[in-house]
Amino acid sequence: MFNSAASEFDGDYTELVEELGAMIAGEPDPIANLANASALIFDRLPDLNWAGFYLLKGDELVLGPFQGKPACIRIALGRGVCGTAAAKAASVLVEDVHQFPGHIACDSASNSELVVPMLKDGKVVGVLDLDSPNIGRFSENDRRGCEILVAELMRQLSVDW
């Protein structure tokens, strides 16, 4: 879904981080905030076919709020791009998911992926997952920008993970 707002995105995440912060300020419900965050990201970033969250429950990631086609519901730690990012507590940027060992294909249209862990008190509580139909869609700038975006989200989420 490519819209005019997304086509105007210039790679500067400052405005997106500020918009997210204003959108969720004072709202205590984490699911509502994650739902709006996924909608904002999906609307503003170009060339995405999926944007959403997986939340850590025990030793697996469980599907949370998202925008896009139906997705895998549960992902074990260490499996696929999401599970790898969660297990390493580090962002994973994959230019071509078909070259990533153990990639989980929830949507066959996805060709590149960026996953950023959600950290609370140094512990992984979930991940932000972005997929694109374009090989090489995500850059180091996207990784850094999304890490700042997730940090703002986690700063404002009022939930005891």
N, C-alpha and C. Protein backbone atom coordinates (compact mmCIF):
# COMPACT_ATOMS: atom_id res chain seq x y z
N MET A 1 0.85 -1.18 0.00
CA MET A 1 0.00 0.00 0.00
C MET A 1 0.89 1.24 0.00
N PHE A 2 0.97 1.87 -1.11
CA PHE A 2 1.84 3.04 -1.27
C PHE A 2 0.95 4.27 -1.33
N ASN A 3 1.09 5.18 -0.37
CA ASN A 3 0.24 6.37 -0.36
C ASN A 3 1.08 7.63 -0.43
N SER A 4 0.41 8.76 -0.52
CA SER A 4 1.13 10.03 -0.69
C SER A 4 1.99 10.36 0.53
N ALA A 5 1.51 10.04 1.74
CA ALA A 5 2.31 10.30 2.93
C ALA A 5 3.60 9.49 2.88
N ALA A 6 3.48 8.23 2.49
CA ALA A 6 4.67 7.38 2.41
C ALA A 6 5.60 7.84 1.30
N SER A 7 5.05 8.29 0.18
CA SER A 7 5.90 8.70 -0.93
C SER A 7 6.70 9.95 -0.60
N GLU A 8 6.27 10.69 0.42
CA GLU A 8 6.97 11.90 0.83
C GLU A 8 8.01 11.62 1.91
N PHE A 9 8.09 10.40 2.41
CA PHE A 9 9.05 10.06 3.46
C PHE A 9 10.46 10.19 2.91
N ASP A 10 11.27 10.96 3.62
CA ASP A 10 12.62 11.25 3.11
C ASP A 10 13.72 10.52 3.88
N GLY A 11 13.34 9.57 4.72
CA GLY A 11 14.33 8.82 5.46
C GLY A 11 14.69 9.42 6.81
N ASP A 12 14.10 10.58 7.14
CA ASP A 12 14.35 11.22 8.43
C ASP A 12 13.27 10.74 9.41
N TYR A 13 13.67 10.00 10.41
CA TYR A 13 12.72 9.41 11.34
C TYR A 13 12.31 10.36 12.46
N THR A 14 12.89 11.56 12.52
CA THR A 14 12.59 12.50 13.60
C THR A 14 11.10 12.80 13.70
N GLU A 15 10.50 13.15 12.58
CA GLU A 15 9.07 13.50 12.59
C GLU A 15 8.22 12.28 12.95
N LEU A 16 8.58 11.12 12.46
CA LEU A 16 7.83 9.90 12.75
C LEU A 16 7.89 9.57 14.25
N VAL A 17 9.07 9.71 14.85
CA VAL A 17 9.23 9.47 16.28
C VAL A 17 8.39 10.47 17.08
N GLU A 18 8.42 11.74 16.68
CA GLU A 18 7.63 12.76 17.37
C GLU A 18 6.13 12.49 17.23
N GLU A 19 5.70 12.09 16.04
CA GLU A 19 4.28 11.81 15.81
C GLU A 19 3.83 10.62 16.66
N LEU A 20 4.66 9.58 16.72
CA LEU A 20 4.33 8.43 17.54
C LEU A 20 4.24 8.84 19.01
N GLY A 21 5.22 9.61 19.49
CA GLY A 21 5.22 10.05 20.88
C GLY A 21 3.97 10.82 21.24
N ALA A 22 3.56 11.72 20.36
CA ALA A 22 2.35 12.51 20.60
C ALA A 22 1.10 11.64 20.55
N MET A 23 1.10 10.67 19.67
CA MET A 23 -0.07 9.80 19.48
C MET A 23 -0.34 8.94 20.71
N ILE A 24 0.71 8.45 21.35
CA ILE A 24 0.51 7.51 22.45
C ILE A 24 0.66 8.15 23.84
N ALA A 25 1.05 9.42 23.88
CA ALA A 25 1.26 10.10 25.17
C ALA A 25 0.00 10.02 26.02
N GLY A 26 0.17 9.54 27.22
CA GLY A 26 -0.92 9.50 28.18
C GLY A 26 -1.87 8.33 28.02
N GLU A 27 -1.73 7.54 26.98
CA GLU A 27 -2.61 6.38 26.78
C GLU A 27 -1.99 5.18 27.49
N PRO A 28 -2.68 4.63 28.49
CA PRO A 28 -2.08 3.53 29.26
C PRO A 28 -2.18 2.15 28.61
N ASP A 29 -3.06 1.96 27.63
CA ASP A 29 -3.26 0.63 27.09
C ASP A 29 -2.17 0.25 26.08
N PRO A 30 -1.35 -0.75 26.38
CA PRO A 30 -0.24 -1.09 25.48
C PRO A 30 -0.70 -1.65 24.14
N ILE A 31 -1.79 -2.40 24.11
CA ILE A 31 -2.26 -2.97 22.84
C ILE A 31 -2.76 -1.86 21.93
N ALA A 32 -3.48 -0.91 22.47
CA ALA A 32 -3.93 0.24 21.67
C ALA A 32 -2.74 1.00 21.11
N ASN A 33 -1.72 1.20 21.94
CA ASN A 33 -0.53 1.92 21.49
C ASN A 33 0.24 1.15 20.43
N LEU A 34 0.36 -0.16 20.58
CA LEU A 34 1.05 -0.97 19.57
C LEU A 34 0.24 -1.00 18.27
N ALA A 35 -1.07 -1.03 18.38
CA ALA A 35 -1.92 -1.01 17.18
C ALA A 35 -1.74 0.30 16.42
N ASN A 36 -1.77 1.42 17.13
CA ASN A 36 -1.58 2.70 16.46
C ASN A 36 -0.16 2.85 15.92
N ALA A 37 0.82 2.32 16.64
CA ALA A 37 2.20 2.39 16.16
C ALA A 37 2.35 1.61 14.86
N SER A 38 1.78 0.40 14.79
CA SER A 38 1.89 -0.38 13.55
C SER A 38 1.18 0.31 12.40
N ALA A 39 0.03 0.92 12.67
CA ALA A 39 -0.70 1.64 11.62
C ALA A 39 0.09 2.86 11.13
N LEU A 40 0.69 3.59 12.06
CA LEU A 40 1.48 4.77 11.70
C LEU A 40 2.68 4.38 10.84
N ILE A 41 3.40 3.35 11.27
CA ILE A 41 4.58 2.90 10.52
C ILE A 41 4.18 2.43 9.13
N PHE A 42 3.13 1.62 9.05
CA PHE A 42 2.67 1.08 7.77
C PHE A 42 2.23 2.21 6.83
N ASP A 43 1.62 3.24 7.40
CA ASP A 43 1.15 4.37 6.60
C ASP A 43 2.29 5.28 6.13
N ARG A 44 3.30 5.47 6.97
CA ARG A 44 4.33 6.46 6.68
C ARG A 44 5.55 5.94 5.92
N LEU A 45 5.92 4.69 6.16
CA LEU A 45 7.12 4.17 5.51
C LEU A 45 6.75 3.55 4.16
N PRO A 46 7.49 3.91 3.13
CA PRO A 46 7.16 3.38 1.79
C PRO A 46 7.58 1.92 1.62
N ASP A 47 6.90 1.27 0.70
CA ASP A 47 7.27 -0.07 0.24
C ASP A 47 7.26 -1.14 1.32
N LEU A 48 6.25 -1.08 2.19
CA LEU A 48 6.07 -2.14 3.19
C LEU A 48 4.86 -2.98 2.79
N ASN A 49 4.93 -4.27 3.08
CA ASN A 49 3.74 -5.09 2.94
C ASN A 49 3.31 -5.67 4.29
N TRP A 50 4.11 -5.38 5.35
CA TRP A 50 3.73 -5.82 6.70
C TRP A 50 4.50 -4.98 7.71
N ALA A 51 3.79 -4.56 8.75
CA ALA A 51 4.42 -3.82 9.86
C ALA A 51 3.68 -4.19 11.13
N GLY A 52 4.41 -4.71 12.10
CA GLY A 52 3.72 -5.09 13.32
C GLY A 52 4.65 -5.57 14.40
N PHE A 53 4.04 -6.13 15.41
CA PHE A 53 4.75 -6.51 16.63
C PHE A 53 4.49 -7.97 16.98
N TYR A 54 5.53 -8.59 17.50
CA TYR A 54 5.42 -9.89 18.15
C TYR A 54 5.83 -9.68 19.59
N LEU A 55 5.10 -10.26 20.52
CA LEU A 55 5.37 -10.09 21.95
C LEU A 55 5.88 -11.39 22.54
N LEU A 56 6.90 -11.29 23.36
CA LEU A 56 7.52 -12.46 23.95
C LEU A 56 6.64 -13.00 25.08
N LYS A 57 6.28 -14.27 24.94
CA LYS A 57 5.51 -14.97 25.97
C LYS A 57 6.20 -16.30 26.19
N GLY A 58 6.87 -16.41 27.33
CA GLY A 58 7.65 -17.61 27.60
C GLY A 58 8.85 -17.67 26.68
N ASP A 59 8.96 -18.75 25.92
CA ASP A 59 10.11 -18.91 25.02
C ASP A 59 9.72 -18.76 23.55
N GLU A 60 8.63 -18.01 23.31
CA GLU A 60 8.24 -17.78 21.92
C GLU A 60 7.63 -16.39 21.75
N LEU A 61 7.70 -15.94 20.51
CA LEU A 61 7.07 -14.67 20.15
C LEU A 61 5.66 -14.97 19.68
N VAL A 62 4.70 -14.16 20.15
CA VAL A 62 3.29 -14.34 19.79
C VAL A 62 2.83 -13.08 19.06
N LEU A 63 2.11 -13.29 17.99
CA LEU A 63 1.63 -12.20 17.15
C LEU A 63 0.88 -11.16 17.96
N GLY A 64 1.24 -9.89 17.72
CA GLY A 64 0.57 -8.76 18.34
C GLY A 64 -0.06 -7.90 17.27
N PRO A 65 -0.36 -6.64 17.58
CA PRO A 65 -0.97 -5.75 16.61
C PRO A 65 -0.10 -5.58 15.36
N PHE A 66 -0.75 -5.53 14.19
CA PHE A 66 -0.02 -5.41 12.93
C PHE A 66 -0.92 -4.84 11.84
N GLN A 67 -0.27 -4.48 10.73
CA GLN A 67 -0.93 -4.07 9.50
C GLN A 67 -0.37 -4.95 8.39
N GLY A 68 -1.22 -5.50 7.56
CA GLY A 68 -0.79 -6.34 6.46
C GLY A 68 -1.59 -7.62 6.41
N LYS A 69 -1.11 -8.58 5.63
CA LYS A 69 -1.79 -9.87 5.50
C LYS A 69 -1.66 -10.67 6.79
N PRO A 70 -2.53 -11.67 6.96
CA PRO A 70 -2.40 -12.54 8.14
C PRO A 70 -0.97 -13.08 8.25
N ALA A 71 -0.55 -13.31 9.49
CA ALA A 71 0.85 -13.66 9.75
C ALA A 71 0.96 -14.91 10.61
N CYS A 72 2.17 -15.39 10.73
CA CYS A 72 2.47 -16.50 11.63
C CYS A 72 2.09 -16.07 13.04
N ILE A 73 1.49 -16.97 13.80
CA ILE A 73 1.03 -16.62 15.13
C ILE A 73 2.11 -16.78 16.18
N ARG A 74 2.91 -17.84 16.08
CA ARG A 74 3.93 -18.10 17.08
C ARG A 74 5.27 -18.38 16.40
N ILE A 75 6.32 -17.79 16.95
CA ILE A 75 7.68 -17.97 16.43
C ILE A 75 8.59 -18.29 17.61
N ALA A 76 9.28 -19.40 17.54
CA ALA A 76 10.21 -19.79 18.60
C ALA A 76 11.43 -18.88 18.60
N LEU A 77 11.96 -18.63 19.80
CA LEU A 77 13.20 -17.86 19.90
C LEU A 77 14.28 -18.55 19.07
N GLY A 78 15.02 -17.75 18.32
CA GLY A 78 16.10 -18.28 17.50
C GLY A 78 15.66 -18.72 16.11
N ARG A 79 14.35 -18.77 15.83
CA ARG A 79 13.86 -19.19 14.52
C ARG A 79 13.49 -17.98 13.68
N GLY A 80 13.84 -18.01 12.40
CA GLY A 80 13.50 -16.92 11.49
C GLY A 80 14.18 -15.63 11.89
N VAL A 81 13.84 -14.58 11.18
CA VAL A 81 14.44 -13.27 11.44
C VAL A 81 13.97 -12.72 12.78
N CYS A 82 12.66 -12.84 13.07
CA CYS A 82 12.13 -12.32 14.33
C CYS A 82 12.72 -13.05 15.53
N GLY A 83 12.72 -14.38 15.47
CA GLY A 83 13.25 -15.17 16.57
C GLY A 83 14.74 -14.94 16.78
N THR A 84 15.46 -14.71 15.69
CA THR A 84 16.90 -14.44 15.79
C THR A 84 17.14 -13.09 16.46
N ALA A 85 16.40 -12.06 16.06
CA ALA A 85 16.55 -10.73 16.67
C ALA A 85 16.22 -10.78 18.16
N ALA A 86 15.17 -11.52 18.52
CA ALA A 86 14.79 -11.62 19.92
C ALA A 86 15.85 -12.38 20.72
N ALA A 87 16.35 -13.47 20.17
CA ALA A 87 17.36 -14.27 20.87
C ALA A 87 18.66 -13.50 21.06
N LYS A 88 19.03 -12.68 20.07
CA LYS A 88 20.27 -11.92 20.15
C LYS A 88 20.09 -10.57 20.85
N ALA A 89 18.83 -10.15 21.06
CA ALA A 89 18.52 -8.83 21.61
C ALA A 89 19.20 -7.75 20.76
N ALA A 90 19.16 -7.95 19.45
CA ALA A 90 19.78 -7.01 18.51
C ALA A 90 18.97 -6.97 17.23
N SER A 91 18.98 -5.81 16.59
CA SER A 91 18.28 -5.66 15.32
C SER A 91 18.89 -6.55 14.25
N VAL A 92 18.03 -7.04 13.36
CA VAL A 92 18.48 -7.85 12.24
C VAL A 92 17.89 -7.25 10.97
N LEU A 93 18.77 -6.88 10.04
CA LEU A 93 18.39 -6.31 8.76
C LEU A 93 18.76 -7.34 7.69
N VAL A 94 17.78 -7.76 6.91
CA VAL A 94 18.01 -8.79 5.90
C VAL A 94 17.62 -8.23 4.53
N GLU A 95 18.63 -8.10 3.66
CA GLU A 95 18.38 -7.57 2.32
C GLU A 95 17.54 -8.49 1.47
N ASP A 96 17.77 -9.80 1.58
CA ASP A 96 17.04 -10.80 0.80
C ASP A 96 16.71 -11.96 1.72
N VAL A 97 15.44 -12.05 2.13
CA VAL A 97 15.05 -13.08 3.10
C VAL A 97 15.25 -14.49 2.57
N HIS A 98 15.29 -14.65 1.26
CA HIS A 98 15.48 -15.97 0.68
C HIS A 98 16.90 -16.49 0.88
N GLN A 99 17.80 -15.60 1.29
CA GLN A 99 19.18 -15.98 1.59
C GLN A 99 19.42 -16.14 3.09
N PHE A 100 18.38 -15.91 3.90
CA PHE A 100 18.52 -16.00 5.35
C PHE A 100 18.21 -17.43 5.80
N PRO A 101 19.18 -18.11 6.40
CA PRO A 101 18.94 -19.49 6.84
C PRO A 101 17.79 -19.57 7.85
N GLY A 102 16.83 -20.41 7.58
CA GLY A 102 15.71 -20.59 8.49
C GLY A 102 14.62 -19.55 8.39
N HIS A 103 14.64 -18.75 7.33
CA HIS A 103 13.59 -17.74 7.17
C HIS A 103 12.21 -18.38 7.20
N ILE A 104 11.28 -17.75 7.91
CA ILE A 104 9.90 -18.23 7.98
C ILE A 104 9.08 -17.38 7.02
N ALA A 105 8.54 -17.99 6.00
CA ALA A 105 7.79 -17.25 4.98
C ALA A 105 6.31 -17.19 5.33
N CYS A 106 5.93 -16.15 6.09
CA CYS A 106 4.51 -15.95 6.41
C CYS A 106 3.78 -15.37 5.19
N ASP A 107 4.47 -14.54 4.41
CA ASP A 107 3.90 -13.94 3.21
C ASP A 107 4.93 -14.12 2.09
N SER A 108 4.56 -14.84 1.07
CA SER A 108 5.50 -15.13 -0.02
C SER A 108 5.92 -13.87 -0.77
N ALA A 109 5.19 -12.77 -0.59
CA ALA A 109 5.54 -11.51 -1.27
C ALA A 109 6.69 -10.78 -0.58
N SER A 110 7.02 -11.18 0.64
CA SER A 110 8.10 -10.50 1.38
C SER A 110 9.46 -10.92 0.85
N ASN A 111 10.31 -9.92 0.59
CA ASN A 111 11.65 -10.19 0.08
C ASN A 111 12.76 -9.60 0.95
N SER A 112 12.44 -8.62 1.78
CA SER A 112 13.42 -8.08 2.72
C SER A 112 12.73 -7.81 4.03
N GLU A 113 13.54 -7.73 5.10
CA GLU A 113 12.95 -7.64 6.43
C GLU A 113 13.88 -6.88 7.37
N LEU A 114 13.26 -6.16 8.29
CA LEU A 114 13.97 -5.48 9.37
C LEU A 114 13.23 -5.79 10.67
N VAL A 115 13.96 -6.31 11.64
CA VAL A 115 13.37 -6.64 12.94
C VAL A 115 14.18 -5.94 14.02
N VAL A 116 13.46 -5.22 14.89
CA VAL A 116 14.08 -4.46 15.98
C VAL A 116 13.51 -4.96 17.30
N PRO A 117 14.38 -5.38 18.23
CA PRO A 117 13.88 -5.87 19.53
C PRO A 117 13.31 -4.73 20.37
N MET A 118 12.29 -5.07 21.14
CA MET A 118 11.70 -4.16 22.10
C MET A 118 12.31 -4.53 23.46
N LEU A 119 13.02 -3.59 24.07
CA LEU A 119 13.72 -3.86 25.32
C LEU A 119 13.10 -3.09 26.48
N LYS A 120 12.88 -3.78 27.58
CA LYS A 120 12.39 -3.17 28.81
C LYS A 120 13.32 -3.61 29.92
N ASP A 121 13.99 -2.65 30.55
CA ASP A 121 14.97 -2.95 31.61
C ASP A 121 16.02 -3.95 31.12
N GLY A 122 16.45 -3.79 29.86
CA GLY A 122 17.48 -4.63 29.28
C GLY A 122 17.03 -6.00 28.81
N LYS A 123 15.75 -6.31 28.96
CA LYS A 123 15.22 -7.62 28.56
C LYS A 123 14.32 -7.46 27.33
N VAL A 124 14.39 -8.43 26.43
CA VAL A 124 13.53 -8.43 25.25
C VAL A 124 12.11 -8.78 25.68
N VAL A 125 11.15 -7.94 25.26
CA VAL A 125 9.74 -8.20 25.54
C VAL A 125 8.94 -8.41 24.26
N GLY A 126 9.58 -8.17 23.13
CA GLY A 126 8.93 -8.33 21.84
C GLY A 126 9.82 -7.79 20.75
N VAL A 127 9.27 -7.73 19.53
CA VAL A 127 9.99 -7.17 18.40
C VAL A 127 9.05 -6.38 17.50
N LEU A 128 9.62 -5.40 16.84
CA LEU A 128 8.96 -4.72 15.72
C LEU A 128 9.45 -5.42 14.47
N ASP A 129 8.53 -5.83 13.61
CA ASP A 129 8.88 -6.55 12.39
C ASP A 129 8.34 -5.77 11.19
N LEU A 130 9.23 -5.47 10.25
CA LEU A 130 8.85 -4.79 9.02
C LEU A 130 9.25 -5.66 7.84
N ASP A 131 8.33 -5.86 6.91
CA ASP A 131 8.59 -6.64 5.70
C ASP A 131 8.33 -5.77 4.48
N SER A 132 9.08 -6.05 3.41
CA SER A 132 8.90 -5.34 2.15
C SER A 132 8.95 -6.33 0.99
N PRO A 133 8.20 -6.04 -0.06
CA PRO A 133 8.30 -6.88 -1.26
C PRO A 133 9.56 -6.59 -2.06
N ASN A 134 10.29 -5.53 -1.70
CA ASN A 134 11.50 -5.12 -2.43
C ASN A 134 12.75 -5.68 -1.79
N ILE A 135 13.57 -6.36 -2.57
CA ILE A 135 14.88 -6.81 -2.08
C ILE A 135 15.73 -5.56 -1.80
N GLY A 136 16.39 -5.56 -0.65
CA GLY A 136 17.26 -4.43 -0.29
C GLY A 136 16.51 -3.18 0.13
N ARG A 137 15.26 -3.30 0.52
CA ARG A 137 14.44 -2.13 0.89
C ARG A 137 15.00 -1.39 2.11
N PHE A 138 15.53 -2.12 3.09
CA PHE A 138 15.92 -1.50 4.36
C PHE A 138 17.40 -1.18 4.40
N SER A 139 17.70 -0.01 4.97
CA SER A 139 19.08 0.48 5.06
C SER A 139 19.49 0.58 6.53
N GLU A 140 20.75 0.90 6.75
CA GLU A 140 21.23 1.15 8.11
C GLU A 140 20.49 2.35 8.71
N ASN A 141 20.15 3.32 7.89
CA ASN A 141 19.37 4.46 8.36
C ASN A 141 18.01 4.01 8.87
N ASP A 142 17.36 3.08 8.15
CA ASP A 142 16.08 2.52 8.62
C ASP A 142 16.27 1.78 9.94
N ARG A 143 17.33 1.01 10.04
CA ARG A 143 17.60 0.29 11.29
C ARG A 143 17.72 1.26 12.45
N ARG A 144 18.58 2.29 12.29
CA ARG A 144 18.78 3.28 13.37
C ARG A 144 17.48 4.01 13.67
N GLY A 145 16.76 4.42 12.65
CA GLY A 145 15.50 5.14 12.84
C GLY A 145 14.47 4.31 13.57
N CYS A 146 14.36 3.05 13.20
CA CYS A 146 13.39 2.17 13.85
C CYS A 146 13.81 1.83 15.28
N GLU A 147 15.10 1.77 15.55
CA GLU A 147 15.56 1.56 16.92
C GLU A 147 15.17 2.75 17.79
N ILE A 148 15.28 3.95 17.27
CA ILE A 148 14.87 5.15 18.01
C ILE A 148 13.35 5.15 18.20
N LEU A 149 12.63 4.75 17.17
CA LEU A 149 11.17 4.68 17.23
C LEU A 149 10.73 3.68 18.31
N VAL A 150 11.34 2.51 18.33
CA VAL A 150 11.00 1.49 19.32
C VAL A 150 11.38 1.98 20.72
N ALA A 151 12.51 2.65 20.86
CA ALA A 151 12.91 3.17 22.17
C ALA A 151 11.88 4.18 22.68
N GLU A 152 11.36 5.02 21.81
CA GLU A 152 10.32 5.98 22.21
C GLU A 152 9.05 5.25 22.61
N LEU A 153 8.69 4.26 21.85
CA LEU A 153 7.51 3.46 22.16
C LEU A 153 7.67 2.80 23.53
N MET A 154 8.80 2.18 23.77
CA MET A 154 9.02 1.50 25.04
C MET A 154 9.09 2.49 26.21
N ARG A 155 9.61 3.68 25.96
CA ARG A 155 9.68 4.70 27.01
C ARG A 155 8.27 5.07 27.49
N GLN A 156 7.32 5.09 26.56
CA GLN A 156 5.98 5.53 26.90
C GLN A 156 5.01 4.40 27.26
N LEU A 157 5.32 3.17 26.90
CA LEU A 157 4.41 2.08 27.23
C LEU A 157 4.39 1.87 28.74
N SER A 158 3.20 1.91 29.29
CA SER A 158 3.08 1.75 30.75
C SER A 158 2.51 0.37 31.03
N VAL A 159 3.39 -0.61 30.94
CA VAL A 159 2.97 -1.97 31.22
C VAL A 159 4.11 -2.67 31.92
N ASP A 160 3.76 -3.52 32.87
CA ASP A 160 4.77 -4.29 33.57
C ASP A 160 4.96 -5.59 32.81
N TRP A 161 6.00 -5.65 32.00
CA TRP A 161 6.25 -6.81 31.16
C TRP A 161 6.70 -7.94 32.02
